[in-house]
Protein backbone atom coordinates (compact mmCIF):
# COMPACT_ATOMS: atom_id res chain seq x y z
CA MET A 1 -27.20 23.05 -2.70
CA LEU A 2 -23.77 21.94 -3.98
CA ARG A 3 -24.43 18.40 -2.79
CA ILE A 4 -27.79 18.35 -4.58
CA ILE A 5 -26.18 19.57 -7.80
CA SER A 6 -23.37 16.99 -7.47
CA ALA A 7 -25.90 14.19 -6.92
CA LEU A 8 -27.92 15.36 -9.93
CA LEU A 9 -24.82 15.42 -12.14
CA LEU A 10 -23.86 11.92 -10.98
CA SER A 11 -27.37 10.65 -11.78
CA ILE A 12 -27.22 12.21 -15.25
CA SER A 13 -23.77 10.68 -15.80
CA SER A 14 -24.99 7.24 -14.70
CA LEU A 15 -28.05 7.49 -16.96
CA ALA A 16 -25.91 8.52 -19.93
CA LEU A 17 -23.58 5.59 -19.29
CA ALA A 18 -26.47 3.15 -19.12
CA GLN A 19 -27.98 4.50 -22.35
CA GLN A 20 -24.78 4.29 -24.40
CA PRO A 21 -24.93 1.36 -26.85
CA PRO A 22 -22.29 -1.27 -26.07
CA LYS A 23 -19.27 -1.41 -28.34
CA PRO A 24 -19.04 -4.48 -30.58
CA LEU A 25 -17.13 -7.33 -28.99
CA GLU A 26 -13.61 -7.51 -30.39
CA LEU A 27 -11.66 -10.73 -30.50
CA ALA A 28 -7.99 -10.82 -29.60
CA ASP A 29 -5.74 -10.66 -32.66
CA ASP A 30 -4.65 -14.28 -32.22
CA ALA A 31 -7.82 -15.66 -30.62
CA PRO A 32 -7.78 -19.49 -30.76
CA ASP A 33 -10.74 -21.63 -31.80
CA ARG A 34 -10.57 -23.45 -28.48
CA HIS A 35 -8.62 -23.62 -25.24
CA ILE A 36 -8.14 -26.64 -22.98
CA VAL A 37 -8.37 -25.56 -19.34
CA VAL A 38 -5.41 -26.55 -17.17
CA PRO A 39 -4.59 -26.02 -13.48
CA GLY A 40 -3.35 -22.49 -12.97
CA ASP A 41 -5.75 -20.99 -15.51
CA THR A 42 -8.03 -18.13 -14.45
CA LEU A 43 -11.21 -16.69 -15.95
CA TRP A 44 -9.29 -13.47 -16.57
CA GLY A 45 -6.43 -15.24 -18.33
CA ILE A 46 -8.71 -17.33 -20.55
CA SER A 47 -10.82 -14.28 -21.38
CA GLY A 48 -7.67 -12.44 -22.46
CA LYS A 49 -6.86 -15.24 -24.92
CA PHE A 50 -10.17 -14.65 -26.72
CA LEU A 51 -11.05 -10.95 -26.14
CA LYS A 52 -9.29 -7.62 -26.42
CA ASP A 53 -11.30 -6.47 -23.39
CA PRO A 54 -11.22 -9.34 -20.84
CA HIS A 55 -13.79 -7.59 -18.61
CA ARG A 56 -16.43 -8.32 -21.27
CA TRP A 57 -16.31 -12.02 -20.35
CA PRO A 58 -20.01 -12.12 -19.25
CA GLU A 59 -21.13 -10.80 -22.66
CA VAL A 60 -19.36 -13.47 -24.64
CA TRP A 61 -20.95 -16.11 -22.38
CA ARG A 62 -24.38 -14.38 -22.49
CA MET A 63 -24.52 -14.16 -18.70
CA ASN A 64 -27.29 -12.44 -16.76
CA PRO A 65 -26.53 -10.51 -13.50
CA GLU A 66 -27.17 -13.56 -11.31
CA GLU A 67 -24.84 -15.73 -13.39
CA ILE A 68 -22.13 -13.07 -13.07
CA ARG A 69 -22.20 -13.51 -9.29
CA ASN A 70 -22.51 -17.31 -9.55
CA PRO A 71 -20.87 -18.19 -12.87
CA HIS A 72 -20.87 -21.66 -14.36
CA LEU A 73 -17.79 -23.28 -12.86
CA ILE A 74 -15.00 -24.22 -15.21
CA TYR A 75 -12.62 -27.03 -14.31
CA PRO A 76 -9.26 -28.29 -15.60
CA GLY A 77 -9.81 -30.73 -18.43
CA GLN A 78 -12.74 -28.87 -19.99
CA VAL A 79 -12.51 -27.19 -23.39
CA VAL A 80 -13.60 -23.60 -24.02
CA VAL A 81 -14.75 -23.28 -27.64
CA LEU A 82 -15.08 -20.04 -29.58
CA ASP A 83 -18.18 -19.86 -31.79
CA ARG A 84 -17.62 -17.21 -34.46
CA SER A 85 -20.87 -17.83 -36.37
CA GLY A 86 -24.06 -15.81 -36.14
CA GLY A 87 -22.74 -12.30 -35.57
CA ASP A 88 -21.24 -11.62 -32.14
CA PRO A 89 -18.69 -14.22 -30.98
CA ARG A 90 -19.71 -16.59 -28.23
CA LEU A 91 -17.87 -18.98 -25.90
CA ARG A 92 -19.18 -22.35 -24.83
CA LEU A 93 -17.86 -25.48 -23.15
CA GLY A 94 -17.01 -28.44 -25.36
CA ARG A 95 -15.68 -31.92 -24.77
CA VAL A 96 -12.05 -32.97 -24.48
CA VAL A 97 -10.91 -34.72 -27.65
CA LYS A 98 -9.24 -38.12 -27.43
CA ALA A 99 -6.14 -36.78 -29.17
CA GLU A 100 -5.16 -35.04 -25.96
CA PRO A 101 -5.84 -37.55 -23.16
CA ARG A 102 -3.23 -35.99 -20.88
CA VAL A 103 -5.77 -33.51 -19.53
CA TYR A 104 -7.55 -36.33 -17.69
CA VAL A 105 -4.65 -36.82 -15.32
CA GLU A 106 -4.89 -33.24 -14.09
CA ASP A 107 -6.76 -32.30 -10.94
CA GLN A 108 -10.38 -31.63 -11.93
CA SER A 109 -11.76 -31.21 -8.41
CA THR A 110 -11.17 -27.44 -8.09
CA ALA A 111 -12.86 -24.86 -10.28
CA ILE A 112 -10.55 -22.21 -11.70
CA PRO A 113 -10.75 -18.79 -9.97
CA SER A 114 -11.43 -15.42 -11.62
CA ILE A 115 -7.92 -14.07 -11.00
CA PRO A 116 -4.69 -15.59 -9.60
CA GLN A 117 -5.77 -16.89 -6.20
CA GLN A 118 -2.20 -17.26 -4.94
CA VAL A 119 -1.64 -13.52 -5.46
CA ILE A 120 -4.72 -12.25 -3.63
CA ALA A 121 -5.28 -15.05 -1.08
CA PRO A 122 -3.41 -13.26 1.74
CA PHE A 123 -5.33 -10.05 1.06
CA LEU A 124 -8.80 -11.64 1.22
CA SER A 125 -8.58 -11.59 5.00
CA GLU A 126 -5.53 -9.48 5.90
CA PRO A 127 -6.47 -5.89 5.00
CA LEU A 128 -9.05 -4.70 7.49
CA VAL A 129 -10.98 -1.45 7.08
CA VAL A 130 -12.68 -0.43 10.32
CA GLU A 131 -14.01 2.52 12.23
CA ALA A 132 -11.38 4.52 14.09
CA ASP A 133 -12.03 2.82 17.46
CA ALA A 134 -13.17 -0.61 16.18
CA LEU A 135 -10.14 -2.47 17.57
CA ASP A 136 -10.14 -0.76 20.96
CA LYS A 137 -11.88 -3.72 22.62
CA ALA A 138 -10.02 -6.44 20.70
CA PRO A 139 -7.53 -8.67 22.59
CA ARG A 140 -4.24 -6.81 23.15
CA VAL A 141 -0.58 -7.82 23.42
CA VAL A 142 0.62 -6.77 26.89
CA ALA A 143 4.03 -8.49 27.02
CA THR A 144 6.51 -10.40 24.86
CA GLN A 145 8.95 -13.25 25.38
CA GLU A 146 11.92 -12.17 27.51
CA ASP A 147 10.44 -8.67 27.62
CA ARG A 148 11.67 -7.83 24.12
CA VAL A 149 10.46 -4.71 22.36
CA PHE A 150 9.43 -6.71 19.29
CA VAL A 151 9.22 -10.42 18.47
CA GLY A 152 8.89 -12.55 15.33
CA SER A 153 8.10 -16.10 14.23
CA GLY A 154 8.58 -18.74 16.92
CA ASN A 155 8.46 -16.27 19.82
CA LEU A 156 5.81 -15.95 22.50
CA ILE A 157 3.38 -13.09 23.12
CA TYR A 158 1.08 -12.59 26.09
CA VAL A 159 -2.42 -11.35 25.37
CA THR A 160 -5.19 -10.01 27.59
CA GLY A 161 -8.89 -10.14 26.75
CA LEU A 162 -8.69 -13.39 24.76
CA THR A 163 -12.05 -15.19 24.87
CA GLY A 164 -13.82 -17.89 22.87
CA ARG A 165 -12.58 -21.14 21.38
CA ASP A 166 -10.47 -19.76 18.53
CA LYS A 167 -6.97 -21.22 18.40
CA VAL A 168 -5.42 -19.12 15.62
CA TRP A 169 -5.47 -15.32 15.57
CA GLN A 170 -4.38 -12.52 13.28
CA VAL A 171 -2.31 -9.70 14.75
CA TYR A 172 -2.88 -6.09 13.66
CA ARG A 173 -1.35 -2.72 14.36
CA PRO A 174 -3.90 -0.02 15.29
CA ALA A 175 -5.65 1.52 12.31
CA ARG A 176 -4.43 4.40 10.12
CA PRO A 177 -6.82 6.68 8.21
CA LEU A 178 -7.63 6.23 4.52
CA LYS A 179 -8.33 9.66 3.05
CA ASP A 180 -10.13 10.49 -0.18
CA PRO A 181 -7.49 12.25 -2.35
CA GLU A 182 -10.14 14.60 -3.75
CA THR A 183 -12.08 15.66 -0.66
CA GLY A 184 -9.75 14.81 2.22
CA ASP A 185 -12.59 12.90 3.94
CA VAL A 186 -11.59 9.90 6.04
CA LEU A 187 -13.35 6.94 4.37
CA GLY A 188 -12.19 4.35 6.88
CA HIS A 189 -9.21 3.17 8.88
CA GLU A 190 -6.91 0.40 7.66
CA ALA A 191 -5.53 -1.89 10.32
CA TYR A 192 -2.11 -3.14 9.22
CA TYR A 193 -1.68 -6.93 9.27
CA LEU A 194 1.42 -8.14 11.15
CA GLY A 195 1.12 -11.93 11.30
CA ASN A 196 -0.60 -14.97 12.82
CA ALA A 197 -0.36 -16.44 16.31
CA ARG A 198 -1.53 -19.74 17.81
CA LEU A 199 -2.94 -20.17 21.34
CA LYS A 200 -0.64 -22.26 23.56
CA ALA A 201 -2.09 -21.69 27.02
CA GLU A 202 -5.34 -20.07 28.15
CA GLY A 203 -5.40 -17.41 30.85
CA ASP A 204 -5.38 -13.68 31.31
CA PRO A 205 -2.93 -12.99 29.91
CA ALA A 206 -3.03 -15.96 27.53
CA THR A 207 0.14 -17.33 25.93
CA LEU A 208 0.38 -17.45 22.13
CA GLU A 209 3.18 -18.44 19.78
CA VAL A 210 3.82 -16.29 16.71
CA MET A 211 3.44 -18.58 13.67
CA THR A 212 4.20 -16.09 10.91
CA ALA A 213 5.30 -12.48 11.09
CA ARG A 214 5.19 -10.10 8.14
CA GLU A 215 6.51 -7.45 10.50
CA GLU A 216 7.67 -7.60 14.12
CA ILE A 217 4.95 -7.72 16.79
CA GLY A 218 4.99 -5.71 20.00
CA ARG A 219 2.98 -4.41 22.93
CA ASN A 220 -0.50 -2.98 22.28
CA ASP A 221 -0.90 -4.71 18.92
CA ARG A 222 -4.40 -6.19 18.55
CA LEU A 223 -5.76 -9.64 17.70
CA ILE A 224 -8.85 -10.91 15.86
CA PRO A 225 -9.83 -14.52 15.03
CA ILE A 226 -8.45 -15.77 11.73
CA SER A 227 -10.92 -16.28 8.88
CA ARG A 228 -10.58 -18.59 5.90
CA PRO A 229 -10.80 -16.73 2.58
CA ASP A 230 -13.16 -17.91 -0.15
CA VAL A 231 -12.09 -18.49 -3.73
CA ILE A 232 -13.16 -15.54 -5.87
CA GLN A 233 -15.55 -16.98 -8.47
CA TYR A 234 -17.28 -13.79 -9.61
CA ALA A 235 -16.94 -13.28 -13.34
CA PRO A 236 -14.91 -10.16 -14.23
CA HIS A 237 -17.34 -7.47 -15.42
CA SER A 238 -17.82 -3.72 -15.76
CA PRO A 239 -19.85 -1.73 -13.18
CA ALA A 240 -23.46 -1.23 -14.23
CA LYS A 241 -23.35 2.45 -13.32
CA SER A 242 -20.77 5.20 -13.41
CA VAL A 243 -18.07 4.87 -10.76
CA LYS A 244 -15.08 7.18 -10.44
CA GLY A 245 -12.64 7.02 -7.56
CA ARG A 246 -8.97 7.54 -6.82
CA VAL A 247 -6.13 5.27 -5.77
CA MET A 248 -5.62 6.07 -2.07
CA SER A 249 -2.81 3.75 -1.07
CA VAL A 250 -0.62 0.85 -2.13
CA TYR A 251 -0.78 -2.01 0.33
CA GLY A 252 2.52 -2.27 2.14
CA GLY A 253 3.11 1.46 2.38
CA VAL A 254 5.04 2.03 -0.86
CA GLY A 255 4.34 5.02 -3.10
CA SER A 256 3.73 3.27 -6.43
CA ALA A 257 2.57 -0.12 -7.67
CA GLY A 258 3.02 -2.48 -10.60
CA ARG A 259 1.26 -5.54 -11.97
CA ASN A 260 -0.15 -7.87 -9.27
CA SER A 261 0.12 -5.16 -6.60
CA ILE A 262 -2.79 -4.42 -4.25
CA VAL A 263 -4.23 -0.90 -4.02
CA THR A 264 -7.14 0.79 -2.27
CA VAL A 265 -9.76 2.80 -4.17
CA SER A 266 -11.84 5.63 -2.70
CA ARG A 267 -15.17 4.01 -3.58
CA GLY A 268 -16.99 1.06 -2.05
CA ALA A 269 -20.29 -0.78 -1.72
CA ARG A 270 -22.32 2.39 -1.14
CA ASP A 271 -21.03 3.66 -4.52
CA GLY A 272 -22.10 0.50 -6.36
CA LEU A 273 -18.78 -1.37 -6.38
CA GLU A 274 -18.86 -5.13 -5.93
CA ILE A 275 -16.49 -8.08 -6.11
CA GLY A 276 -15.55 -8.85 -9.70
CA HIS A 277 -15.82 -5.30 -11.01
CA VAL A 278 -13.06 -4.25 -13.39
CA LEU A 279 -11.99 -0.59 -13.38
CA ALA A 280 -9.78 1.25 -15.82
CA LEU A 281 -6.78 3.11 -14.41
CA TYR A 282 -6.04 6.61 -15.67
CA ARG A 283 -3.24 9.05 -14.96
CA ALA A 284 -4.92 12.36 -14.15
CA GLY A 285 -4.24 14.99 -16.79
CA ALA A 286 -1.42 17.34 -15.82
CA ALA A 287 -1.53 21.13 -16.01
CA SER A 288 0.44 22.52 -18.98
CA THR A 289 1.37 26.01 -20.13
CA ASN A 290 2.34 27.33 -23.56
CA ARG A 291 3.22 30.65 -25.12
CA TYR A 292 1.53 31.51 -28.40
CA GLU A 293 1.79 34.85 -30.22
CA GLY A 294 3.20 36.46 -27.11
CA LYS A 295 0.42 35.19 -24.82
CA ARG A 296 0.57 32.55 -22.09
CA GLU A 297 -1.92 29.68 -22.40
CA SER A 298 -2.91 27.20 -19.71
CA PHE A 299 -4.36 23.75 -20.35
CA THR A 300 -5.36 20.66 -18.40
CA LEU A 301 -4.31 17.63 -20.40
CA PRO A 302 -6.75 14.70 -20.76
CA ASP A 303 -6.56 11.71 -18.45
CA GLU A 304 -4.50 8.86 -19.96
CA ARG A 305 -5.65 5.27 -19.57
CA TYR A 306 -2.84 2.80 -18.83
CA GLY A 307 -4.24 -0.31 -17.15
CA LEU A 308 -7.00 -2.26 -15.42
CA LEU A 309 -7.89 -3.09 -11.83
CA PHE A 310 -9.87 -6.12 -10.57
CA VAL A 311 -11.92 -5.40 -7.42
CA PHE A 312 -11.77 -8.40 -5.05
CA ARG A 313 -12.68 -7.01 -1.62
CA VAL A 314 -15.27 -4.34 -0.88
CA PHE A 315 -16.03 -2.36 2.26
CA ASP A 316 -18.65 0.37 2.69
CA ARG A 317 -16.58 3.27 1.32
CA VAL A 318 -13.32 1.57 0.31
CA ALA A 319 -12.38 -1.26 -2.07
CA TYR A 320 -9.23 -3.32 -2.66
CA GLY A 321 -8.15 -4.18 -6.18
CA LEU A 322 -5.51 -6.25 -7.94
CA VAL A 323 -3.53 -4.29 -10.54
CA LEU A 324 -3.69 -5.93 -13.98
CA ASN A 325 -2.30 -5.19 -17.46
CA VAL A 326 -0.59 -1.87 -16.69
CA SER A 327 1.85 -0.09 -18.98
CA ARG A 328 3.25 2.20 -16.27
CA PRO A 329 3.46 2.28 -12.46
CA VAL A 330 0.28 3.07 -10.51
CA GLU A 331 0.63 6.30 -8.54
CA LEU A 332 -1.38 7.61 -5.59
CA GLY A 333 -4.22 9.81 -6.82
CA ASP A 334 -4.63 8.01 -10.16
CA VAL A 335 -8.23 7.71 -11.38
CA ALA A 336 -10.12 4.37 -11.26
CA THR A 337 -13.31 4.37 -13.31
CA ASN A 338 -15.47 2.39 -15.74
CA PRO A 339 -13.43 0.71 -18.49
């Protein structure tokens, strides 16, 4: 019965959110009339030059849902023009003026990403959320060079169960549980990325050389084939329905996070999250007591919004996000919800 009531309340909340009229688009206080795109720009950064709420980028471009997932690509050398006429502001692409020919010498072959690619690139393939026993059958380190307890870059490891033609592998430590801060449910298991290794000699065990090591590698660590991450081109946008989760962990095992840190959120694809979603970060309201006219009062203070989170990798019940525009450190248990 409780689950039915909870589902009904969530449906009502989602319906109310969908029926709320959108707020008028607000331009940034110093919004320019145009911006010439240069290498290093991102959709998020350009949006922030024009809008107070960068996640409303699709609205100012008049994008439909399909265009959000496959946005018009923007390249260095193009000009983004702000059209202030006709009511709501609108962005469009213009031509580069001859007065600034220097933009033509820039690299125009690569479209700009949604958010800083160099920040999230390692995390597009490194964090791995799996079932508890998903790595049990993966290739396993059984010995190390000179029988050391742990090895690092340039050292050899010996791996059993290595099959296929893959030459480069990622090394992981067996998974740890990711628990929902509200319910205590285990939403998945995060395998911790240790480094990369290259095959030197086939066999069982096979010989591999450690190419990079974020942490030392030892016996019983597991290997999976390396994958090449894609550039995130999804336009930053708000979820279409109500989503409310909690920050479960900060990648790397620390207790708090700042701008450009990576965190996990206790919601995923089954809850409607997708790549490109922007969530607002709130500090959960604290309990407070007061004495008034000889009586003790108890209150729960309202949640306080302090930043934004860009979702860039989504699993079934867990998502990874890049922390953006925060005014205070992100703490475990903080709320992540619609902006």
